[in-house]
Amino acid sequence: KLSARYDVDNLPAYLEKDAMALIIEHGFDHLLVDLPSIDRAYDEGRLECHRLFWGLPQGSHDLDGIEPSHRTITELSFVPNDIKDGNYLLQLQITNFIRDAAPSRPLLFSIVEK
């Protein structure tokens, strides 16, 4: 995980549009993946899954009249192997950059049932 190298001979995995549709259908607002991108490495800038997740028109670069989304995507997220699958509370610390991307620090907190 810590030493993965991606290039044209070793392309990373990505999400298919059907998978993104399922994520949206289930109501997820914050997506953390250990991939360099949720879209294909070489997709000619289409960013289809990003656009689906944020409700943006495919192929358009015109954002006039489109409300900002509260949804977030964290790519290249590192989750140690000793973190068990399950439900967690997420504190997503995002740097206050006025950009289309910003570094984040996701913190997971276990949910303890009594």
N, C-alpha and C. Protein backbone atom coordinates (compact mmCIF):
# COMPACT_ATOMS: atom_id res chain seq x y z
N LYS A 1 0.81 -1.20 0.00
CA LYS A 1 0.00 0.00 0.00
C LYS A 1 0.85 1.26 0.00
N LEU A 2 1.89 1.26 0.76
CA LEU A 2 2.70 2.47 0.89
C LEU A 2 3.64 2.69 -0.27
N SER A 3 3.89 1.65 -1.05
CA SER A 3 4.89 1.79 -2.11
C SER A 3 4.34 1.51 -3.51
N ALA A 4 3.04 1.61 -3.69
CA ALA A 4 2.45 1.35 -5.01
C ALA A 4 2.94 2.39 -6.01
N ARG A 5 3.30 1.91 -7.18
CA ARG A 5 3.74 2.79 -8.27
C ARG A 5 2.82 2.55 -9.45
N TYR A 6 2.28 3.62 -9.98
CA TYR A 6 1.37 3.51 -11.11
C TYR A 6 1.97 4.22 -12.32
N ASP A 7 1.83 3.58 -13.48
CA ASP A 7 2.24 4.18 -14.74
C ASP A 7 1.49 3.48 -15.86
N VAL A 8 1.87 3.72 -17.10
CA VAL A 8 1.14 3.14 -18.23
C VAL A 8 1.21 1.62 -18.25
N ASP A 9 2.23 1.04 -17.61
CA ASP A 9 2.35 -0.42 -17.55
C ASP A 9 1.70 -1.01 -16.31
N ASN A 10 1.33 -0.16 -15.36
CA ASN A 10 0.70 -0.61 -14.12
C ASN A 10 -0.41 0.39 -13.76
N LEU A 11 -1.51 0.31 -14.49
CA LEU A 11 -2.60 1.26 -14.28
C LEU A 11 -3.39 0.92 -13.02
N PRO A 12 -3.80 1.94 -12.28
CA PRO A 12 -4.57 1.69 -11.05
C PRO A 12 -6.01 1.31 -11.36
N ALA A 13 -6.64 0.69 -10.39
CA ALA A 13 -8.07 0.40 -10.48
C ALA A 13 -8.83 1.73 -10.46
N TYR A 14 -10.08 1.69 -10.86
CA TYR A 14 -10.95 2.87 -10.85
C TYR A 14 -12.38 2.39 -10.71
N LEU A 15 -13.31 3.30 -10.51
CA LEU A 15 -14.72 2.94 -10.37
C LEU A 15 -15.42 3.00 -11.72
N GLU A 16 -16.29 2.05 -11.96
CA GLU A 16 -17.16 2.09 -13.13
C GLU A 16 -18.35 3.01 -12.81
N LYS A 17 -19.00 3.52 -13.83
CA LYS A 17 -20.15 4.41 -13.62
C LYS A 17 -21.27 3.70 -12.87
N ASP A 18 -21.46 2.40 -13.11
CA ASP A 18 -22.49 1.64 -12.39
C ASP A 18 -22.19 1.59 -10.89
N ALA A 19 -20.92 1.46 -10.54
CA ALA A 19 -20.54 1.45 -9.12
C ALA A 19 -20.82 2.81 -8.49
N MET A 20 -20.51 3.88 -9.22
CA MET A 20 -20.78 5.22 -8.69
C MET A 20 -22.28 5.45 -8.54
N ALA A 21 -23.07 4.95 -9.47
CA ALA A 21 -24.53 5.08 -9.36
C ALA A 21 -25.03 4.39 -8.10
N LEU A 22 -24.46 3.25 -7.76
CA LEU A 22 -24.84 2.52 -6.54
C LEU A 22 -24.44 3.31 -5.29
N ILE A 23 -23.26 3.90 -5.31
CA ILE A 23 -22.79 4.72 -4.18
C ILE A 23 -23.75 5.89 -3.96
N ILE A 24 -24.15 6.54 -5.05
CA ILE A 24 -25.08 7.66 -4.96
C ILE A 24 -26.44 7.19 -4.47
N GLU A 25 -26.91 6.06 -5.00
CA GLU A 25 -28.21 5.51 -4.61
C GLU A 25 -28.28 5.23 -3.12
N HIS A 26 -27.16 4.81 -2.54
CA HIS A 26 -27.12 4.50 -1.10
C HIS A 26 -26.93 5.75 -0.24
N GLY A 27 -26.76 6.90 -0.86
CA GLY A 27 -26.74 8.15 -0.11
C GLY A 27 -25.42 8.54 0.53
N PHE A 28 -24.32 7.99 0.05
CA PHE A 28 -23.03 8.37 0.61
C PHE A 28 -22.66 9.79 0.19
N ASP A 29 -22.20 10.59 1.14
CA ASP A 29 -21.79 11.96 0.85
C ASP A 29 -20.27 12.14 0.89
N HIS A 30 -19.58 11.25 1.57
CA HIS A 30 -18.13 11.36 1.70
C HIS A 30 -17.51 10.02 1.30
N LEU A 31 -16.71 10.06 0.28
CA LEU A 31 -16.13 8.85 -0.30
C LEU A 31 -14.62 8.87 -0.07
N LEU A 32 -14.10 7.83 0.58
CA LEU A 32 -12.67 7.68 0.80
C LEU A 32 -12.21 6.43 0.06
N VAL A 33 -11.24 6.58 -0.83
CA VAL A 33 -10.72 5.45 -1.59
C VAL A 33 -9.20 5.46 -1.53
N ASP A 34 -8.62 4.28 -1.65
CA ASP A 34 -7.16 4.18 -1.65
C ASP A 34 -6.61 4.15 -3.08
N LEU A 35 -7.33 4.76 -3.99
CA LEU A 35 -6.95 4.83 -5.40
C LEU A 35 -6.46 6.23 -5.73
N PRO A 36 -5.62 6.36 -6.76
CA PRO A 36 -5.19 7.71 -7.17
C PRO A 36 -6.36 8.55 -7.68
N SER A 37 -7.37 7.90 -8.25
CA SER A 37 -8.55 8.60 -8.73
C SER A 37 -9.70 7.60 -8.82
N ILE A 38 -10.92 8.11 -8.67
CA ILE A 38 -12.07 7.23 -8.87
C ILE A 38 -12.34 7.02 -10.35
N ASP A 39 -11.71 7.82 -11.21
CA ASP A 39 -11.85 7.70 -12.66
C ASP A 39 -10.61 7.07 -13.27
N ARG A 40 -10.74 6.64 -14.51
CA ARG A 40 -9.61 6.06 -15.25
C ARG A 40 -8.42 7.02 -15.24
N ALA A 41 -7.23 6.46 -15.24
CA ALA A 41 -6.03 7.30 -15.25
C ALA A 41 -5.96 8.14 -16.52
N TYR A 42 -6.31 7.56 -17.63
CA TYR A 42 -6.25 8.27 -18.91
C TYR A 42 -7.66 8.32 -19.50
N ASP A 43 -8.44 9.31 -19.09
CA ASP A 43 -9.83 9.40 -19.57
C ASP A 43 -10.08 10.69 -20.36
N GLU A 44 -9.02 11.35 -20.77
CA GLU A 44 -9.10 12.59 -21.56
C GLU A 44 -9.85 13.70 -20.82
N GLY A 45 -9.76 13.68 -19.50
CA GLY A 45 -10.37 14.74 -18.69
C GLY A 45 -11.87 14.64 -18.50
N ARG A 46 -12.46 13.51 -18.85
CA ARG A 46 -13.92 13.37 -18.72
C ARG A 46 -14.37 13.33 -17.26
N LEU A 47 -13.61 12.65 -16.42
CA LEU A 47 -13.92 12.55 -14.98
C LEU A 47 -15.39 12.20 -14.74
N GLU A 48 -15.84 11.15 -15.41
CA GLU A 48 -17.26 10.78 -15.39
C GLU A 48 -17.78 10.47 -13.99
N CYS A 49 -17.02 9.72 -13.20
CA CYS A 49 -17.50 9.37 -11.85
C CYS A 49 -17.49 10.58 -10.92
N HIS A 50 -16.48 11.43 -11.04
CA HIS A 50 -16.47 12.67 -10.26
C HIS A 50 -17.74 13.48 -10.57
N ARG A 51 -18.04 13.62 -11.85
CA ARG A 51 -19.20 14.42 -12.28
C ARG A 51 -20.50 13.79 -11.79
N LEU A 52 -20.61 12.48 -11.86
CA LEU A 52 -21.81 11.80 -11.35
C LEU A 52 -21.98 12.06 -9.85
N PHE A 53 -20.90 11.89 -9.09
CA PHE A 53 -20.96 12.03 -7.64
C PHE A 53 -21.39 13.44 -7.24
N TRP A 54 -20.89 14.44 -7.96
CA TRP A 54 -21.20 15.83 -7.62
C TRP A 54 -22.39 16.39 -8.39
N GLY A 55 -23.04 15.55 -9.20
CA GLY A 55 -24.23 15.99 -9.93
C GLY A 55 -23.94 17.02 -11.00
N LEU A 56 -22.78 16.91 -11.62
CA LEU A 56 -22.40 17.85 -12.68
C LEU A 56 -22.71 17.26 -14.05
N PRO A 57 -23.03 18.09 -15.02
CA PRO A 57 -23.30 17.57 -16.36
C PRO A 57 -22.04 16.96 -16.98
N GLN A 58 -22.21 15.81 -17.62
CA GLN A 58 -21.08 15.16 -18.29
C GLN A 58 -20.58 16.03 -19.44
N GLY A 59 -19.26 16.19 -19.51
CA GLY A 59 -18.64 16.89 -20.63
C GLY A 59 -18.68 18.40 -20.57
N SER A 60 -19.37 18.97 -19.60
CA SER A 60 -19.48 20.43 -19.53
C SER A 60 -18.46 20.99 -18.56
N HIS A 61 -17.95 22.16 -18.87
CA HIS A 61 -17.07 22.88 -17.95
C HIS A 61 -17.73 24.16 -17.46
N ASP A 62 -19.00 24.34 -17.80
CA ASP A 62 -19.75 25.51 -17.41
C ASP A 62 -20.48 25.21 -16.10
N LEU A 63 -20.11 25.91 -15.05
CA LEU A 63 -20.72 25.68 -13.74
C LEU A 63 -21.70 26.77 -13.35
N ASP A 64 -22.02 27.66 -14.29
CA ASP A 64 -22.98 28.73 -13.99
C ASP A 64 -24.31 28.12 -13.56
N GLY A 65 -24.84 28.60 -12.44
CA GLY A 65 -26.13 28.15 -11.96
C GLY A 65 -26.10 26.83 -11.21
N ILE A 66 -24.93 26.23 -11.04
CA ILE A 66 -24.83 24.96 -10.32
C ILE A 66 -24.41 25.23 -8.89
N GLU A 67 -25.20 24.72 -7.96
CA GLU A 67 -24.91 24.90 -6.53
C GLU A 67 -23.69 24.09 -6.12
N PRO A 68 -22.85 24.63 -5.24
CA PRO A 68 -21.72 23.85 -4.73
C PRO A 68 -22.22 22.61 -3.98
N SER A 69 -21.48 21.54 -4.07
CA SER A 69 -21.86 20.29 -3.42
C SER A 69 -21.24 20.20 -2.04
N HIS A 70 -21.95 19.55 -1.13
CA HIS A 70 -21.40 19.27 0.20
C HIS A 70 -20.64 17.93 0.20
N ARG A 71 -20.70 17.21 -0.90
CA ARG A 71 -20.05 15.90 -0.99
C ARG A 71 -18.54 16.06 -1.15
N THR A 72 -17.81 15.07 -0.63
CA THR A 72 -16.34 15.09 -0.75
C THR A 72 -15.84 13.73 -1.23
N ILE A 73 -14.70 13.78 -1.90
CA ILE A 73 -13.98 12.57 -2.30
C ILE A 73 -12.56 12.70 -1.79
N THR A 74 -12.09 11.71 -1.05
CA THR A 74 -10.70 11.65 -0.62
C THR A 74 -10.05 10.50 -1.36
N GLU A 75 -9.09 10.83 -2.21
CA GLU A 75 -8.36 9.81 -2.99
C GLU A 75 -6.98 9.60 -2.37
N LEU A 76 -6.40 8.45 -2.65
CA LEU A 76 -5.11 8.05 -2.06
C LEU A 76 -5.18 8.02 -0.54
N SER A 77 -6.33 7.63 -0.02
CA SER A 77 -6.50 7.51 1.42
C SER A 77 -5.77 6.25 1.89
N PHE A 78 -5.05 6.36 2.98
CA PHE A 78 -4.34 5.20 3.53
C PHE A 78 -5.07 4.74 4.79
N VAL A 79 -5.52 3.50 4.78
CA VAL A 79 -6.16 2.89 5.95
C VAL A 79 -5.30 1.69 6.34
N PRO A 80 -4.70 1.72 7.52
CA PRO A 80 -3.86 0.59 7.95
C PRO A 80 -4.64 -0.72 7.96
N ASN A 81 -3.94 -1.82 7.73
CA ASN A 81 -4.57 -3.14 7.67
C ASN A 81 -5.23 -3.55 8.98
N ASP A 82 -4.80 -2.99 10.11
CA ASP A 82 -5.38 -3.40 11.39
C ASP A 82 -6.72 -2.72 11.67
N ILE A 83 -7.15 -1.81 10.82
CA ILE A 83 -8.48 -1.20 10.97
C ILE A 83 -9.51 -2.19 10.42
N LYS A 84 -10.41 -2.63 11.29
CA LYS A 84 -11.40 -3.64 10.89
C LYS A 84 -12.52 -2.99 10.09
N ASP A 85 -13.11 -3.78 9.19
CA ASP A 85 -14.28 -3.33 8.45
C ASP A 85 -15.40 -3.03 9.45
N GLY A 86 -16.19 -2.04 9.15
CA GLY A 86 -17.31 -1.72 10.02
C GLY A 86 -17.74 -0.28 9.87
N ASN A 87 -18.58 0.14 10.78
CA ASN A 87 -19.08 1.52 10.78
C ASN A 87 -18.23 2.37 11.70
N TYR A 88 -17.91 3.56 11.24
CA TYR A 88 -17.09 4.50 11.99
C TYR A 88 -17.67 5.89 11.86
N LEU A 89 -17.35 6.73 12.81
CA LEU A 89 -17.59 8.16 12.66
C LEU A 89 -16.38 8.74 11.94
N LEU A 90 -16.61 9.67 11.05
CA LEU A 90 -15.54 10.28 10.27
C LEU A 90 -15.43 11.75 10.61
N GLN A 91 -14.23 12.16 10.99
CA GLN A 91 -13.93 13.58 11.10
C GLN A 91 -13.00 13.89 9.93
N LEU A 92 -13.48 14.65 8.99
CA LEU A 92 -12.71 14.94 7.79
C LEU A 92 -12.17 16.36 7.89
N GLN A 93 -10.88 16.45 8.16
CA GLN A 93 -10.23 17.75 8.30
C GLN A 93 -9.73 18.17 6.92
N ILE A 94 -10.27 19.29 6.43
CA ILE A 94 -9.93 19.76 5.09
C ILE A 94 -9.27 21.12 5.20
N THR A 95 -8.15 21.27 4.52
CA THR A 95 -7.45 22.55 4.48
C THR A 95 -8.33 23.56 3.75
N ASN A 96 -8.35 24.78 4.24
CA ASN A 96 -9.21 25.82 3.67
C ASN A 96 -8.55 26.46 2.44
N PHE A 97 -8.50 25.70 1.36
CA PHE A 97 -8.01 26.21 0.08
C PHE A 97 -9.22 26.49 -0.81
N ILE A 98 -9.18 27.57 -1.54
CA ILE A 98 -10.23 27.85 -2.53
C ILE A 98 -9.74 27.24 -3.85
N ARG A 99 -9.92 25.95 -3.99
CA ARG A 99 -9.43 25.19 -5.15
C ARG A 99 -10.43 24.09 -5.46
N ASP A 100 -10.18 23.38 -6.54
CA ASP A 100 -11.02 22.22 -6.83
C ASP A 100 -10.54 20.98 -6.10
N ALA A 101 -9.38 21.06 -5.47
CA ALA A 101 -8.86 19.95 -4.67
C ALA A 101 -8.06 20.53 -3.51
N ALA A 102 -8.08 19.83 -2.38
CA ALA A 102 -7.35 20.28 -1.20
C ALA A 102 -6.94 19.07 -0.39
N PRO A 103 -5.80 19.15 0.30
CA PRO A 103 -5.40 18.04 1.16
C PRO A 103 -6.42 17.85 2.29
N SER A 104 -6.57 16.61 2.72
CA SER A 104 -7.47 16.33 3.84
C SER A 104 -6.80 15.35 4.80
N ARG A 105 -7.34 15.32 5.99
CA ARG A 105 -6.86 14.38 7.01
C ARG A 105 -8.09 13.69 7.61
N PRO A 106 -8.44 12.53 7.05
CA PRO A 106 -9.60 11.82 7.60
C PRO A 106 -9.23 11.07 8.88
N LEU A 107 -10.03 11.24 9.91
CA LEU A 107 -9.85 10.53 11.17
C LEU A 107 -11.08 9.66 11.40
N LEU A 108 -10.84 8.38 11.70
CA LEU A 108 -11.94 7.45 11.98
C LEU A 108 -12.05 7.21 13.47
N PHE A 109 -13.28 7.18 13.95
CA PHE A 109 -13.55 6.89 15.35
C PHE A 109 -14.50 5.71 15.42
N SER A 110 -14.14 4.71 16.23
CA SER A 110 -14.99 3.52 16.39
C SER A 110 -16.30 3.90 17.04
N ILE A 111 -17.35 3.22 16.62
CA ILE A 111 -18.65 3.39 17.25
C ILE A 111 -18.80 2.27 18.26
N VAL A 112 -18.99 2.62 19.51
CA VAL A 112 -19.10 1.64 20.58
C VAL A 112 -20.57 1.49 20.94
N GLU A 113 -21.09 0.27 20.81
CA GLU A 113 -22.49 0.02 21.17
C GLU A 113 -22.55 -0.51 22.59
N LYS A 114 -23.53 -0.02 23.35
CA LYS A 114 -23.68 -0.47 24.74
C LYS A 114 -24.91 -1.31 24.88
